[in-house]
Amino acid sequence: VLERAEVLQAVIARLAHHTGALSNDFSLLLQSIRERCALTGHRVSFLAADQRREGTVRGIGAAGELLIEIEGKTEALFQADEISIGK
């Protein structure tokens, strides 16, 4: 059983590592995120700017934004209040 302090310490260590990667090699970090993105290829619904929308995730853009295809057009989503995988 892990203690909360151990888990917190591990999380902080990983965040510190990734924070360094942001300034040193963002492209490597971005590639790692792209490889692990569980949403790519899935239909999602999301709430952004108080508007509910749906689309298919096409990947992660150059600035870390979520790329979503909506009605045949790919849009960049920089911030959402909520994202859920469609059924």
PDB file of N, CA and C in Angstrom:
ATOM      1  N   VAL A   1       0.848  -1.178   0.000  1.00  0.00           N
ATOM      2  CA  VAL A   1       0.000   0.000   0.000  1.00  0.00           C
ATOM      3  C   VAL A   1       0.896   1.244   0.000  1.00  0.00           C
ATOM      4  N   LEU A   2       0.610   2.125  -0.930  1.00  0.00           N
ATOM      5  CA  LEU A   2       1.375   3.368  -1.013  1.00  0.00           C
ATOM      6  C   LEU A   2       0.763   4.422  -0.109  1.00  0.00           C
ATOM      7  N   GLU A   3       1.629   5.166   0.508  1.00  0.00           N
ATOM      8  CA  GLU A   3       1.179   6.290   1.334  1.00  0.00           C
ATOM      9  C   GLU A   3       0.898   7.487   0.436  1.00  0.00           C
ATOM     10  N   ARG A   4      -0.001   8.329   0.844  1.00  0.00           N
ATOM     11  CA  ARG A   4      -0.345   9.529   0.073  1.00  0.00           C
ATOM     12  C   ARG A   4       0.876  10.380  -0.206  1.00  0.00           C
ATOM     13  N   ALA A   5       1.734  10.528   0.764  1.00  0.00           N
ATOM     14  CA  ALA A   5       2.942  11.353   0.596  1.00  0.00           C
ATOM     15  C   ALA A   5       3.842  10.784  -0.501  1.00  0.00           C
ATOM     16  N   GLU A   6       3.930   9.471  -0.596  1.00  0.00           N
ATOM     17  CA  GLU A   6       4.745   8.833  -1.638  1.00  0.00           C
ATOM     18  C   GLU A   6       4.158   9.092  -3.017  1.00  0.00           C
ATOM     19  N   VAL A   7       2.842   8.959  -3.117  1.00  0.00           N
ATOM     20  CA  VAL A   7       2.170   9.202  -4.394  1.00  0.00           C
ATOM     21  C   VAL A   7       2.333  10.661  -4.807  1.00  0.00           C
ATOM     22  N   LEU A   8       2.123  11.563  -3.872  1.00  0.00           N
ATOM     23  CA  LEU A   8       2.271  12.983  -4.156  1.00  0.00           C
ATOM     24  C   LEU A   8       3.692  13.306  -4.595  1.00  0.00           C
ATOM     25  N   GLN A   9       4.661  12.741  -3.925  1.00  0.00           N
ATOM     26  CA  GLN A   9       6.059  12.971  -4.278  1.00  0.00           C
ATOM     27  C   GLN A   9       6.345  12.468  -5.696  1.00  0.00           C
ATOM     28  N   ALA A  10       5.813  11.311  -6.057  1.00  0.00           N
ATOM     29  CA  ALA A  10       6.010  10.768  -7.406  1.00  0.00           C
ATOM     30  C   ALA A  10       5.352  11.654  -8.455  1.00  0.00           C
ATOM     31  N   VAL A  11       4.149  12.138  -8.164  1.00  0.00           N
ATOM     32  CA  VAL A  11       3.439  13.023  -9.098  1.00  0.00           C
ATOM     33  C   VAL A  11       4.222  14.322  -9.285  1.00  0.00           C
ATOM     34  N   ILE A  12       4.688  14.902  -8.216  1.00  0.00           N
ATOM     35  CA  ILE A  12       5.453  16.150  -8.302  1.00  0.00           C
ATOM     36  C   ILE A  12       6.744  15.938  -9.083  1.00  0.00           C
ATOM     37  N   ALA A  13       7.405  14.811  -8.865  1.00  0.00           N
ATOM     38  CA  ALA A  13       8.642  14.514  -9.605  1.00  0.00           C
ATOM     39  C   ALA A  13       8.372  14.411 -11.102  1.00  0.00           C
ATOM     40  N   ARG A  14       7.275  13.749 -11.493  1.00  0.00           N
ATOM     41  CA  ARG A  14       6.937  13.632 -12.922  1.00  0.00           C
ATOM     42  C   ARG A  14       6.569  14.992 -13.501  1.00  0.00           C
ATOM     43  N   LEU A  15       5.826  15.795 -12.751  1.00  0.00           N
ATOM     44  CA  LEU A  15       5.476  17.137 -13.224  1.00  0.00           C
ATOM     45  C   LEU A  15       6.735  17.983 -13.422  1.00  0.00           C
ATOM     46  N   ALA A  16       7.667  17.884 -12.495  1.00  0.00           N
ATOM     47  CA  ALA A  16       8.929  18.630 -12.614  1.00  0.00           C
ATOM     48  C   ALA A  16       9.691  18.179 -13.852  1.00  0.00           C
ATOM     49  N   HIS A  17       9.701  16.884 -14.097  1.00  0.00           N
ATOM     50  CA  HIS A  17      10.374  16.357 -15.291  1.00  0.00           C
ATOM     51  C   HIS A  17       9.727  16.918 -16.561  1.00  0.00           C
ATOM     52  N   HIS A  18       8.407  16.871 -16.623  1.00  0.00           N
ATOM     53  CA  HIS A  18       7.706  17.354 -17.818  1.00  0.00           C
ATOM     54  C   HIS A  18       7.787  18.866 -17.961  1.00  0.00           C
ATOM     55  N   THR A  19       7.829  19.588 -16.860  1.00  0.00           N
ATOM     56  CA  THR A  19       7.985  21.037 -16.930  1.00  0.00           C
ATOM     57  C   THR A  19       9.318  21.382 -17.571  1.00  0.00           C
ATOM     58  N   GLY A  20      10.360  20.659 -17.202  1.00  0.00           N
ATOM     59  CA  GLY A  20      11.668  20.851 -17.832  1.00  0.00           C
ATOM     60  C   GLY A  20      11.621  20.527 -19.310  1.00  0.00           C
ATOM     61  N   ALA A  21      10.881  19.497 -19.683  1.00  0.00           N
ATOM     62  CA  ALA A  21      10.760  19.113 -21.087  1.00  0.00           C
ATOM     63  C   ALA A  21      10.040  20.184 -21.894  1.00  0.00           C
ATOM     64  N   LEU A  22       9.112  20.895 -21.265  1.00  0.00           N
ATOM     65  CA  LEU A  22       8.402  21.960 -21.974  1.00  0.00           C
ATOM     66  C   LEU A  22       9.361  23.029 -22.473  1.00  0.00           C
ATOM     67  N   SER A  23      10.348  23.359 -21.661  1.00  0.00           N
ATOM     68  CA  SER A  23      11.269  24.414 -22.068  1.00  0.00           C
ATOM     69  C   SER A  23      12.446  23.872 -22.873  1.00  0.00           C
ATOM     70  N   ASN A  24      12.797  22.590 -22.675  1.00  0.00           N
ATOM     71  CA  ASN A  24      13.959  22.032 -23.358  1.00  0.00           C
ATOM     72  C   ASN A  24      13.627  21.356 -24.678  1.00  0.00           C
ATOM     73  N   ASP A  25      12.617  20.535 -24.708  1.00  0.00           N
ATOM     74  CA  ASP A  25      12.293  19.783 -25.921  1.00  0.00           C
ATOM     75  C   ASP A  25      10.797  19.513 -26.001  1.00  0.00           C
ATOM     76  N   PHE A  26      10.042  20.561 -26.313  1.00  0.00           N
ATOM     77  CA  PHE A  26       8.587  20.453 -26.375  1.00  0.00           C
ATOM     78  C   PHE A  26       8.158  19.440 -27.423  1.00  0.00           C
ATOM     79  N   SER A  27       8.882  19.337 -28.536  1.00  0.00           N
ATOM     80  CA  SER A  27       8.478  18.422 -29.603  1.00  0.00           C
ATOM     81  C   SER A  27       8.524  16.968 -29.142  1.00  0.00           C
ATOM     82  N   LEU A  28       9.507  16.613 -28.323  1.00  0.00           N
ATOM     83  CA  LEU A  28       9.596  15.255 -27.797  1.00  0.00           C
ATOM     84  C   LEU A  28       8.435  14.969 -26.839  1.00  0.00           C
ATOM     85  N   LEU A  29       8.123  15.911 -25.978  1.00  0.00           N
ATOM     86  CA  LEU A  29       7.001  15.764 -25.059  1.00  0.00           C
ATOM     87  C   LEU A  29       5.688  15.660 -25.839  1.00  0.00           C
ATOM     88  N   LEU A  30       5.526  16.490 -26.852  1.00  0.00           N
ATOM     89  CA  LEU A  30       4.320  16.487 -27.669  1.00  0.00           C
ATOM     90  C   LEU A  30       4.154  15.147 -28.379  1.00  0.00           C
ATOM     91  N   GLN A  31       5.233  14.591 -28.900  1.00  0.00           N
ATOM     92  CA  GLN A  31       5.166  13.291 -29.559  1.00  0.00           C
ATOM     93  C   GLN A  31       4.719  12.210 -28.576  1.00  0.00           C
ATOM     94  N   SER A  32       5.224  12.275 -27.365  1.00  0.00           N
ATOM     95  CA  SER A  32       4.847  11.312 -26.327  1.00  0.00           C
ATOM     96  C   SER A  32       3.354  11.419 -26.010  1.00  0.00           C
ATOM     97  N   ILE A  33       2.854  12.630 -25.926  1.00  0.00           N
ATOM     98  CA  ILE A  33       1.429  12.853 -25.656  1.00  0.00           C
ATOM     99  C   ILE A  33       0.587  12.330 -26.812  1.00  0.00           C
ATOM    100  N   ARG A  34       1.025  12.592 -28.041  1.00  0.00           N
ATOM    101  CA  ARG A  34       0.288  12.101 -29.217  1.00  0.00           C
ATOM    102  C   ARG A  34       0.186  10.584 -29.223  1.00  0.00           C
ATOM    103  N   GLU A  35       1.266   9.915 -28.869  1.00  0.00           N
ATOM    104  CA  GLU A  35       1.280   8.451 -28.855  1.00  0.00           C
ATOM    105  C   GLU A  35       0.329   7.880 -27.810  1.00  0.00           C
ATOM    106  N   ARG A  36       0.066   8.625 -26.759  1.00  0.00           N
ATOM    107  CA  ARG A  36      -0.753   8.127 -25.664  1.00  0.00           C
ATOM    108  C   ARG A  36      -2.174   8.683 -25.646  1.00  0.00           C
ATOM    109  N   CYS A  37      -2.513   9.521 -26.593  1.00  0.00           N
ATOM    110  CA  CYS A  37      -3.834  10.158 -26.596  1.00  0.00           C
ATOM    111  C   CYS A  37      -4.935   9.117 -26.815  1.00  0.00           C
ATOM    112  N   ALA A  38      -5.686   8.853 -25.764  1.00  0.00           N
ATOM    113  CA  ALA A  38      -6.744   7.844 -25.814  1.00  0.00           C
ATOM    114  C   ALA A  38      -7.971   8.323 -26.587  1.00  0.00           C
ATOM    115  N   LEU A  39      -8.043   9.611 -26.880  1.00  0.00           N
ATOM    116  CA  LEU A  39      -9.221  10.147 -27.565  1.00  0.00           C
ATOM    117  C   LEU A  39      -9.109  10.092 -29.090  1.00  0.00           C
ATOM    118  N   THR A  40      -7.902   9.989 -29.627  1.00  0.00           N
ATOM    119  CA  THR A  40      -7.710  10.012 -31.077  1.00  0.00           C
ATOM    120  C   THR A  40      -8.543   8.922 -31.755  1.00  0.00           C
ATOM    121  N   GLY A  41      -9.320   9.347 -32.759  1.00  0.00           N
ATOM    122  CA  GLY A  41     -10.166   8.429 -33.507  1.00  0.00           C
ATOM    123  C   GLY A  41     -11.546   8.223 -32.915  1.00  0.00           C
ATOM    124  N   HIS A  42     -11.768   8.734 -31.719  1.00  0.00           N
ATOM    125  CA  HIS A  42     -13.064   8.551 -31.050  1.00  0.00           C
ATOM    126  C   HIS A  42     -13.978   9.749 -31.260  1.00  0.00           C
ATOM    127  N   ARG A  43     -15.241   9.447 -31.324  1.00  0.00           N
ATOM    128  CA  ARG A  43     -16.262  10.489 -31.379  1.00  0.00           C
ATOM    129  C   ARG A  43     -16.434  11.026 -29.959  1.00  0.00           C
ATOM    130  N   VAL A  44     -16.433  12.339 -29.822  1.00  0.00           N
ATOM    131  CA  VAL A  44     -16.563  12.955 -28.504  1.00  0.00           C
ATOM    132  C   VAL A  44     -17.625  14.047 -28.546  1.00  0.00           C
ATOM    133  N   SER A  45     -18.138  14.360 -27.376  1.00  0.00           N
ATOM    134  CA  SER A  45     -18.962  15.556 -27.222  1.00  0.00           C
ATOM    135  C   SER A  45     -18.229  16.423 -26.213  1.00  0.00           C
ATOM    136  N   PHE A  46     -18.355  17.715 -26.371  1.00  0.00           N
ATOM    137  CA  PHE A  46     -17.653  18.619 -25.466  1.00  0.00           C
ATOM    138  C   PHE A  46     -18.425  19.903 -25.273  1.00  0.00           C
ATOM    139  N   LEU A  47     -18.109  20.541 -24.157  1.00  0.00           N
ATOM    140  CA  LEU A  47     -18.716  21.815 -23.811  1.00  0.00           C
ATOM    141  C   LEU A  47     -17.617  22.866 -23.841  1.00  0.00           C
ATOM    142  N   ALA A  48     -17.761  23.830 -24.733  1.00  0.00           N
ATOM    143  CA  ALA A  48     -16.790  24.913 -24.853  1.00  0.00           C
ATOM    144  C   ALA A  48     -17.552  26.202 -25.100  1.00  0.00           C
ATOM    145  N   ALA A  49     -17.191  27.230 -24.355  1.00  0.00           N
ATOM    146  CA  ALA A  49     -17.869  28.527 -24.458  1.00  0.00           C
ATOM    147  C   ALA A  49     -19.383  28.361 -24.321  1.00  0.00           C
ATOM    148  N   ASP A  50     -19.783  27.547 -23.340  1.00  0.00           N
ATOM    149  CA  ASP A  50     -21.200  27.297 -23.039  1.00  0.00           C
ATOM    150  C   ASP A  50     -21.981  26.716 -24.213  1.00  0.00           C
ATOM    151  N   GLN A  51     -21.277  26.036 -25.116  1.00  0.00           N
ATOM    152  CA  GLN A  51     -21.939  25.424 -26.265  1.00  0.00           C
ATOM    153  C   GLN A  51     -21.567  23.947 -26.339  1.00  0.00           C
ATOM    154  N   ARG A  52     -22.553  23.068 -26.428  1.00  0.00           N
ATOM    155  CA  ARG A  52     -22.328  21.631 -26.563  1.00  0.00           C
ATOM    156  C   ARG A  52     -22.104  21.315 -28.038  1.00  0.00           C
ATOM    157  N   ARG A  53     -20.982  20.608 -28.334  1.00  0.00           N
ATOM    158  CA  ARG A  53     -20.658  20.247 -29.719  1.00  0.00           C
ATOM    159  C   ARG A  53     -20.183  18.806 -29.764  1.00  0.00           C
ATOM    160  N   GLU A  54     -20.144  18.227 -30.954  1.00  0.00           N
ATOM    161  CA  GLU A  54     -19.677  16.862 -31.149  1.00  0.00           C
ATOM    162  C   GLU A  54     -18.749  16.800 -32.341  1.00  0.00           C
ATOM    163  N   GLY A  55     -17.821  15.847 -32.284  1.00  0.00           N
ATOM    164  CA  GLY A  55     -16.910  15.653 -33.395  1.00  0.00           C
ATOM    165  C   GLY A  55     -16.028  14.440 -33.147  1.00  0.00           C
ATOM    166  N   THR A  56     -15.099  14.196 -34.076  1.00  0.00           N
ATOM    167  CA  THR A  56     -14.168  13.073 -33.967  1.00  0.00           C
ATOM    168  C   THR A  56     -12.769  13.619 -33.745  1.00  0.00           C
ATOM    169  N   VAL A  57     -12.091  13.123 -32.733  1.00  0.00           N
ATOM    170  CA  VAL A  57     -10.741  13.591 -32.423  1.00  0.00           C
ATOM    171  C   VAL A  57      -9.782  13.070 -33.479  1.00  0.00           C
ATOM    172  N   ARG A  58      -9.011  13.968 -34.076  1.00  0.00           N
ATOM    173  CA  ARG A  58      -8.051  13.628 -35.118  1.00  0.00           C
ATOM    174  C   ARG A  58      -6.617  13.647 -34.617  1.00  0.00           C
ATOM    175  N   GLY A  59      -6.397  14.124 -33.392  1.00  0.00           N
ATOM    176  CA  GLY A  59      -5.055  14.107 -32.828  1.00  0.00           C
ATOM    177  C   GLY A  59      -4.761  15.340 -32.010  1.00  0.00           C
ATOM    178  N   ILE A  60      -3.457  15.573 -31.827  1.00  0.00           N
ATOM    179  CA  ILE A  60      -2.966  16.707 -31.045  1.00  0.00           C
ATOM    180  C   ILE A  60      -2.173  17.608 -31.979  1.00  0.00           C
ATOM    181  N   GLY A  61      -2.477  18.903 -31.968  1.00  0.00           N
ATOM    182  CA  GLY A  61      -1.808  19.869 -32.836  1.00  0.00           C
ATOM    183  C   GLY A  61      -0.448  20.302 -32.319  1.00  0.00           C
ATOM    184  N   ALA A  62       0.214  21.141 -33.073  1.00  0.00           N
ATOM    185  CA  ALA A  62       1.578  21.590 -32.779  1.00  0.00           C
ATOM    186  C   ALA A  62       1.702  22.373 -31.475  1.00  0.00           C
ATOM    187  N   ALA A  63       0.622  22.996 -31.031  1.00  0.00           N
ATOM    188  CA  ALA A  63       0.657  23.762 -29.783  1.00  0.00           C
ATOM    189  C   ALA A  63       0.040  22.992 -28.618  1.00  0.00           C
ATOM    190  N   GLY A  64      -0.255  21.702 -28.834  1.00  0.00           N
ATOM    191  CA  GLY A  64      -0.844  20.886 -27.786  1.00  0.00           C
ATOM    192  C   GLY A  64      -2.361  20.903 -27.781  1.00  0.00           C
ATOM    193  N   GLU A  65      -2.966  21.545 -28.755  1.00  0.00           N
ATOM    194  CA  GLU A  65      -4.425  21.624 -28.816  1.00  0.00           C
ATOM    195  C   GLU A  65      -5.008  20.316 -29.347  1.00  0.00           C
ATOM    196  N   LEU A  66      -6.246  20.034 -28.976  1.00  0.00           N
ATOM    197  CA  LEU A  66      -6.955  18.860 -29.455  1.00  0.00           C
ATOM    198  C   LEU A  66      -7.550  19.201 -30.818  1.00  0.00           C
ATOM    199  N   LEU A  67      -7.282  18.357 -31.820  1.00  0.00           N
ATOM    200  CA  LEU A  67      -7.808  18.574 -33.161  1.00  0.00           C
ATOM    201  C   LEU A  67      -9.065  17.732 -33.319  1.00  0.00           C
ATOM    202  N   ILE A  68     -10.181  18.392 -33.604  1.00  0.00           N
ATOM    203  CA  ILE A  68     -11.473  17.715 -33.692  1.00  0.00           C
ATOM    204  C   ILE A  68     -12.103  18.003 -35.047  1.00  0.00           C
ATOM    205  N   GLU A  69     -12.524  16.941 -35.722  1.00  0.00           N
ATOM    206  CA  GLU A  69     -13.223  17.093 -36.993  1.00  0.00           C
ATOM    207  C   GLU A  69     -14.715  17.220 -36.719  1.00  0.00           C
ATOM    208  N   ILE A  70     -15.271  18.332 -37.186  1.00  0.00           N
ATOM    209  CA  ILE A  70     -16.696  18.615 -37.006  1.00  0.00           C
ATOM    210  C   ILE A  70     -17.259  18.944 -38.373  1.00  0.00           C
ATOM    211  N   GLU A  71     -18.215  18.123 -38.818  1.00  0.00           N
ATOM    212  CA  GLU A  71     -18.862  18.314 -40.114  1.00  0.00           C
ATOM    213  C   GLU A  71     -17.835  18.452 -41.238  1.00  0.00           C
ATOM    214  N   GLY A  72     -16.831  17.578 -41.248  1.00  0.00           N
ATOM    215  CA  GLY A  72     -15.841  17.544 -42.319  1.00  0.00           C
ATOM    216  C   GLY A  72     -14.720  18.560 -42.217  1.00  0.00           C
ATOM    217  N   LYS A  73     -14.740  19.395 -41.196  1.00  0.00           N
ATOM    218  CA  LYS A  73     -13.713  20.426 -41.024  1.00  0.00           C
ATOM    219  C   LYS A  73     -12.994  20.199 -39.698  1.00  0.00           C
ATOM    220  N   THR A  74     -11.654  20.230 -39.731  1.00  0.00           N
ATOM    221  CA  THR A  74     -10.886  20.048 -38.506  1.00  0.00           C
ATOM    222  C   THR A  74     -10.706  21.382 -37.803  1.00  0.00           C
ATOM    223  N   GLU A  75     -11.061  21.395 -36.523  1.00  0.00           N
ATOM    224  CA  GLU A  75     -10.946  22.596 -35.701  1.00  0.00           C
ATOM    225  C   GLU A  75     -10.004  22.322 -34.534  1.00  0.00           C
ATOM    226  N   ALA A  76      -9.365  23.368 -34.040  1.00  0.00           N
ATOM    227  CA  ALA A  76      -8.479  23.260 -32.883  1.00  0.00           C
ATOM    228  C   ALA A  76      -9.249  23.626 -31.626  1.00  0.00           C
ATOM    229  N   LEU A  77      -9.158  22.769 -30.634  1.00  0.00           N
ATOM    230  CA  LEU A  77      -9.819  23.009 -29.356  1.00  0.00           C
ATOM    231  C   LEU A  77      -8.742  23.224 -28.303  1.00  0.00           C
ATOM    232  N   PHE A  78      -8.608  24.463 -27.852  1.00  0.00           N
ATOM    233  CA  PHE A  78      -7.587  24.801 -26.862  1.00  0.00           C
ATOM    234  C   PHE A  78      -8.093  24.640 -25.436  1.00  0.00           C
ATOM    235  N   GLN A  79      -9.383  24.800 -25.230  1.00  0.00           N
ATOM    236  CA  GLN A  79      -9.939  24.702 -23.881  1.00  0.00           C
ATOM    237  C   GLN A  79     -11.378  24.226 -23.967  1.00  0.00           C
ATOM    238  N   ALA A  80     -11.725  23.325 -23.069  1.00  0.00           N
ATOM    239  CA  ALA A  80     -13.103  22.862 -22.971  1.00  0.00           C
ATOM    240  C   ALA A  80     -13.434  22.678 -21.501  1.00  0.00           C
ATOM    241  N   ASP A  81     -14.684  22.894 -21.172  1.00  0.00           N
ATOM    242  CA  ASP A  81     -15.121  22.697 -19.796  1.00  0.00           C
ATOM    243  C   ASP A  81     -15.326  21.214 -19.499  1.00  0.00           C
ATOM    244  N   GLU A  82     -15.590  20.443 -20.551  1.00  0.00           N
ATOM    245  CA  GLU A  82     -15.901  19.034 -20.367  1.00  0.00           C
ATOM    246  C   GLU A  82     -15.751  18.335 -21.709  1.00  0.00           C
ATOM    247  N   ILE A  83     -15.190  17.131 -21.712  1.00  0.00           N
ATOM    248  CA  ILE A  83     -15.109  16.304 -22.915  1.00  0.00           C
ATOM    249  C   ILE A  83     -15.512  14.892 -22.512  1.00  0.00           C
ATOM    250  N   SER A  84     -16.381  14.267 -23.310  1.00  0.00           N
ATOM    251  CA  SER A  84     -16.759  12.887 -23.029  1.00  0.00           C
ATOM    252  C   SER A  84     -16.767  12.091 -24.319  1.00  0.00           C
ATOM    253  N   ILE A  85     -16.383  10.818 -24.223  1.00  0.00           N
ATOM    254  CA  ILE A  85     -16.351   9.944 -25.387  1.00  0.00           C
ATOM    255  C   ILE A  85     -17.777   9.525 -25.707  1.00  0.00           C
ATOM    256  N   GLY A  86     -18.146   9.659 -26.989  1.00  0.00           N
ATOM    257  CA  GLY A  86     -19.481   9.307 -27.423  1.00  0.00           C
ATOM    258  C   GLY A  86     -19.688   7.800 -27.454  1.00  0.00           C
ATOM    259  N   LYS A  87     -20.920   7.400 -27.583  1.00  0.00           N
ATOM    260  CA  LYS A  87     -21.269   5.966 -27.605  1.00  0.00           C
ATOM    261  C   LYS A  87     -21.561   5.521 -28.997  1.00  0.00           C
TER     262      LYS A  87
END
